[in-house]
Amino acid sequence: MKEEEKTWCPAIEFNETEKYLILKAEIPGVEIKNLNISANPDSVSISGIHLHHKISAEEELIPSQFHYGHLDCNVPLPQEITVKGVRAELIDGILTIRMPKLNIACVAKT
């Protein structure tokens, strides 16, 4: 299978504050223009592509352990979020997605 045909999901971790769920994903070498992030109340999807830019004079001595090809990951969230306030940034190969928690106390059942 060619590298551009492979699909991979990055290593992720969750953190939280009182108001936010924070998802961090390791995606070194992936450019922001090649990413698509979409959020639902109970999940976040990260998709994109990591292109392999090999200099023609380079020869690979051993198989690469880098992830190339299509990035496609759907991450279930540990609690519901408010989609409207989701923000993402990519710094030094770490994608950070801040998601406001749904305030359960404000949802009154009648």
C-alpha atoms as a PDB file:
ATOM      1  CA  MET A   1       0.000   0.000   0.000  1.00  0.00           C
ATOM      2  CA  LYS A   2       1.371   3.412  -0.943  1.00  0.00           C
ATOM      3  CA  GLU A   3       1.900   5.981   1.820  1.00  0.00           C
ATOM      4  CA  GLU A   4      -0.715   8.344   0.411  1.00  0.00           C
ATOM      5  CA  GLU A   5      -3.319   5.536   0.615  1.00  0.00           C
ATOM      6  CA  LYS A   6      -2.743   4.832   4.329  1.00  0.00           C
ATOM      7  CA  THR A   7      -5.104   6.230   6.984  1.00  0.00           C
ATOM      8  CA  TRP A   8      -3.906   7.079  10.473  1.00  0.00           C
ATOM      9  CA  CYS A   9      -5.137   8.619  13.710  1.00  0.00           C
ATOM     10  CA  PRO A  10      -2.824  10.759  15.892  1.00  0.00           C
ATOM     11  CA  ALA A  11      -1.950  10.177  19.517  1.00  0.00           C
ATOM     12  CA  ILE A  12      -4.339  12.254  21.627  1.00  0.00           C
ATOM     13  CA  GLU A  13      -4.858  13.291  25.220  1.00  0.00           C
ATOM     14  CA  PHE A  14      -7.684  14.982  27.086  1.00  0.00           C
ATOM     15  CA  ASN A  15      -7.412  17.605  29.796  1.00  0.00           C
ATOM     16  CA  GLU A  16     -10.131  19.703  31.354  1.00  0.00           C
ATOM     17  CA  THR A  17     -10.745  22.872  33.249  1.00  0.00           C
ATOM     18  CA  GLU A  18     -13.919  23.879  34.996  1.00  0.00           C
ATOM     19  CA  LYS A  19     -15.323  25.252  31.721  1.00  0.00           C
ATOM     20  CA  TYR A  20     -13.462  23.433  28.922  1.00  0.00           C
ATOM     21  CA  LEU A  21     -12.530  20.022  27.572  1.00  0.00           C
ATOM     22  CA  ILE A  22      -9.139  20.283  25.911  1.00  0.00           C
ATOM     23  CA  LEU A  23      -8.061  17.749  23.302  1.00  0.00           C
ATOM     24  CA  LYS A  24      -4.426  17.690  22.184  1.00  0.00           C
ATOM     25  CA  ALA A  25      -3.284  15.676  19.175  1.00  0.00           C
ATOM     26  CA  GLU A  26       0.239  15.055  17.896  1.00  0.00           C
ATOM     27  CA  ILE A  27       0.302  15.825  14.188  1.00  0.00           C
ATOM     28  CA  PRO A  28       3.882  16.841  13.341  1.00  0.00           C
ATOM     29  CA  GLY A  29       4.438  17.835   9.740  1.00  0.00           C
ATOM     30  CA  VAL A  30       0.749  18.395   8.986  1.00  0.00           C
ATOM     31  CA  GLU A  31      -0.005  21.911   7.807  1.00  0.00           C
ATOM     32  CA  ILE A  32      -3.080  23.769   9.078  1.00  0.00           C
ATOM     33  CA  LYS A  33      -4.284  24.234   5.482  1.00  0.00           C
ATOM     34  CA  ASN A  34      -4.459  20.429   5.168  1.00  0.00           C
ATOM     35  CA  LEU A  35      -6.664  19.943   8.263  1.00  0.00           C
ATOM     36  CA  ASN A  36     -10.412  19.812   8.757  1.00  0.00           C
ATOM     37  CA  ILE A  37     -11.890  19.825  12.262  1.00  0.00           C
ATOM     38  CA  SER A  38     -15.582  19.390  12.971  1.00  0.00           C
ATOM     39  CA  ALA A  39     -17.349  19.126  16.308  1.00  0.00           C
ATOM     40  CA  ASN A  40     -20.618  17.601  17.463  1.00  0.00           C
ATOM     41  CA  PRO A  41     -21.949  17.749  21.027  1.00  0.00           C
ATOM     42  CA  ASP A  42     -20.544  14.273  21.745  1.00  0.00           C
ATOM     43  CA  SER A  43     -17.536  13.906  19.372  1.00  0.00           C
ATOM     44  CA  VAL A  44     -14.815  15.687  17.425  1.00  0.00           C
ATOM     45  CA  SER A  45     -13.548  14.687  13.975  1.00  0.00           C
ATOM     46  CA  ILE A  46     -10.069  15.489  12.740  1.00  0.00           C
ATOM     47  CA  SER A  47      -9.211  14.802   9.126  1.00  0.00           C
ATOM     48  CA  GLY A  48      -6.570  15.887   6.680  1.00  0.00           C
ATOM     49  CA  ILE A  49      -3.468  14.726   4.892  1.00  0.00           C
ATOM     50  CA  HIS A  50       0.242  14.563   5.664  1.00  0.00           C
ATOM     51  CA  LEU A  51       2.182  14.722   2.440  1.00  0.00           C
ATOM     52  CA  HIS A  52       5.598  13.076   2.162  1.00  0.00           C
ATOM     53  CA  HIS A  53       8.047  15.600   0.722  1.00  0.00           C
ATOM     54  CA  LYS A  54      11.088  13.525  -0.116  1.00  0.00           C
ATOM     55  CA  ILE A  55      14.046  15.193  -1.802  1.00  0.00           C
ATOM     56  CA  SER A  56      14.762  13.201  -4.978  1.00  0.00           C
ATOM     57  CA  ALA A  57      18.395  12.504  -3.975  1.00  0.00           C
ATOM     58  CA  GLU A  58      17.322  10.999  -0.630  1.00  0.00           C
ATOM     59  CA  GLU A  59      17.095   7.255  -0.251  1.00  0.00           C
ATOM     60  CA  GLU A  60      15.239   5.640   2.637  1.00  0.00           C
ATOM     61  CA  LEU A  61      17.547   3.180   4.412  1.00  0.00           C
ATOM     62  CA  ILE A  62      14.936   1.735   6.748  1.00  0.00           C
ATOM     63  CA  PRO A  63      11.134   1.991   6.648  1.00  0.00           C
ATOM     64  CA  SER A  64       9.886   5.309   7.992  1.00  0.00           C
ATOM     65  CA  GLN A  65       8.019   5.393  11.285  1.00  0.00           C
ATOM     66  CA  PHE A  66       6.458   8.751  10.398  1.00  0.00           C
ATOM     67  CA  HIS A  67       2.747   8.847   9.605  1.00  0.00           C
ATOM     68  CA  TYR A  68       1.979   9.899   6.040  1.00  0.00           C
ATOM     69  CA  GLY A  69      -1.237   9.802   4.069  1.00  0.00           C
ATOM     70  CA  HIS A  70      -4.779  10.495   5.180  1.00  0.00           C
ATOM     71  CA  LEU A  71      -5.485  11.509   8.751  1.00  0.00           C
ATOM     72  CA  ASP A  72      -8.986  10.499   9.815  1.00  0.00           C
ATOM     73  CA  CYS A  73     -10.024  10.283  13.438  1.00  0.00           C
ATOM     74  CA  ASN A  74     -13.401  10.528  15.166  1.00  0.00           C
ATOM     75  CA  VAL A  75     -12.969  11.024  18.905  1.00  0.00           C
ATOM     76  CA  PRO A  76     -15.887  10.428  21.282  1.00  0.00           C
ATOM     77  CA  LEU A  77     -15.966  13.043  24.052  1.00  0.00           C
ATOM     78  CA  PRO A  78     -16.214  12.150  27.749  1.00  0.00           C
ATOM     79  CA  GLN A  79     -19.008  14.707  28.149  1.00  0.00           C
ATOM     80  CA  GLU A  80     -21.112  16.905  25.872  1.00  0.00           C
ATOM     81  CA  ILE A  81     -19.831  20.236  24.626  1.00  0.00           C
ATOM     82  CA  THR A  82     -21.266  23.436  23.192  1.00  0.00           C
ATOM     83  CA  VAL A  83     -20.236  23.307  19.530  1.00  0.00           C
ATOM     84  CA  LYS A  84     -20.513  27.054  18.955  1.00  0.00           C
ATOM     85  CA  GLY A  85     -17.480  27.915  21.117  1.00  0.00           C
ATOM     86  CA  VAL A  86     -14.998  25.316  19.849  1.00  0.00           C
ATOM     87  CA  ARG A  87     -11.560  26.783  19.012  1.00  0.00           C
ATOM     88  CA  ALA A  88      -8.482  25.070  17.560  1.00  0.00           C
ATOM     89  CA  GLU A  89      -4.837  26.021  17.116  1.00  0.00           C
ATOM     90  CA  LEU A  90      -1.805  24.232  15.727  1.00  0.00           C
ATOM     91  CA  ILE A  91       1.548  25.079  17.310  1.00  0.00           C
ATOM     92  CA  ASP A  92       4.761  23.081  16.829  1.00  0.00           C
ATOM     93  CA  GLY A  93       2.921  19.972  15.615  1.00  0.00           C
ATOM     94  CA  ILE A  94       0.428  19.907  18.490  1.00  0.00           C
ATOM     95  CA  LEU A  95      -3.215  20.519  17.617  1.00  0.00           C
ATOM     96  CA  THR A  96      -5.105  21.915  20.624  1.00  0.00           C
ATOM     97  CA  ILE A  97      -8.908  21.989  20.503  1.00  0.00           C
ATOM     98  CA  ARG A  98     -10.678  23.892  23.317  1.00  0.00           C
ATOM     99  CA  MET A  99     -14.319  22.911  23.685  1.00  0.00           C
ATOM    100  CA  PRO A 100     -16.728  24.584  26.128  1.00  0.00           C
ATOM    101  CA  LYS A 101     -18.489  22.037  28.295  1.00  0.00           C
ATOM    102  CA  LEU A 102     -22.240  21.913  28.098  1.00  0.00           C
ATOM    103  CA  ASN A 103     -23.504  23.361  31.364  1.00  0.00           C
ATOM    104  CA  ILE A 104     -25.790  20.572  32.528  1.00  0.00           C
ATOM    105  CA  ALA A 105     -27.038  22.700  35.449  1.00  0.00           C
ATOM    106  CA  CYS A 106     -28.542  25.207  32.985  1.00  0.00           C
ATOM    107  CA  VAL A 107     -30.543  22.548  31.164  1.00  0.00           C
ATOM    108  CA  ALA A 108     -33.784  22.337  33.123  1.00  0.00           C
ATOM    109  CA  LYS A 109     -36.115  19.428  32.605  1.00  0.00           C
ATOM    110  CA  THR A 110     -39.795  20.175  32.948  1.00  0.00           C
END
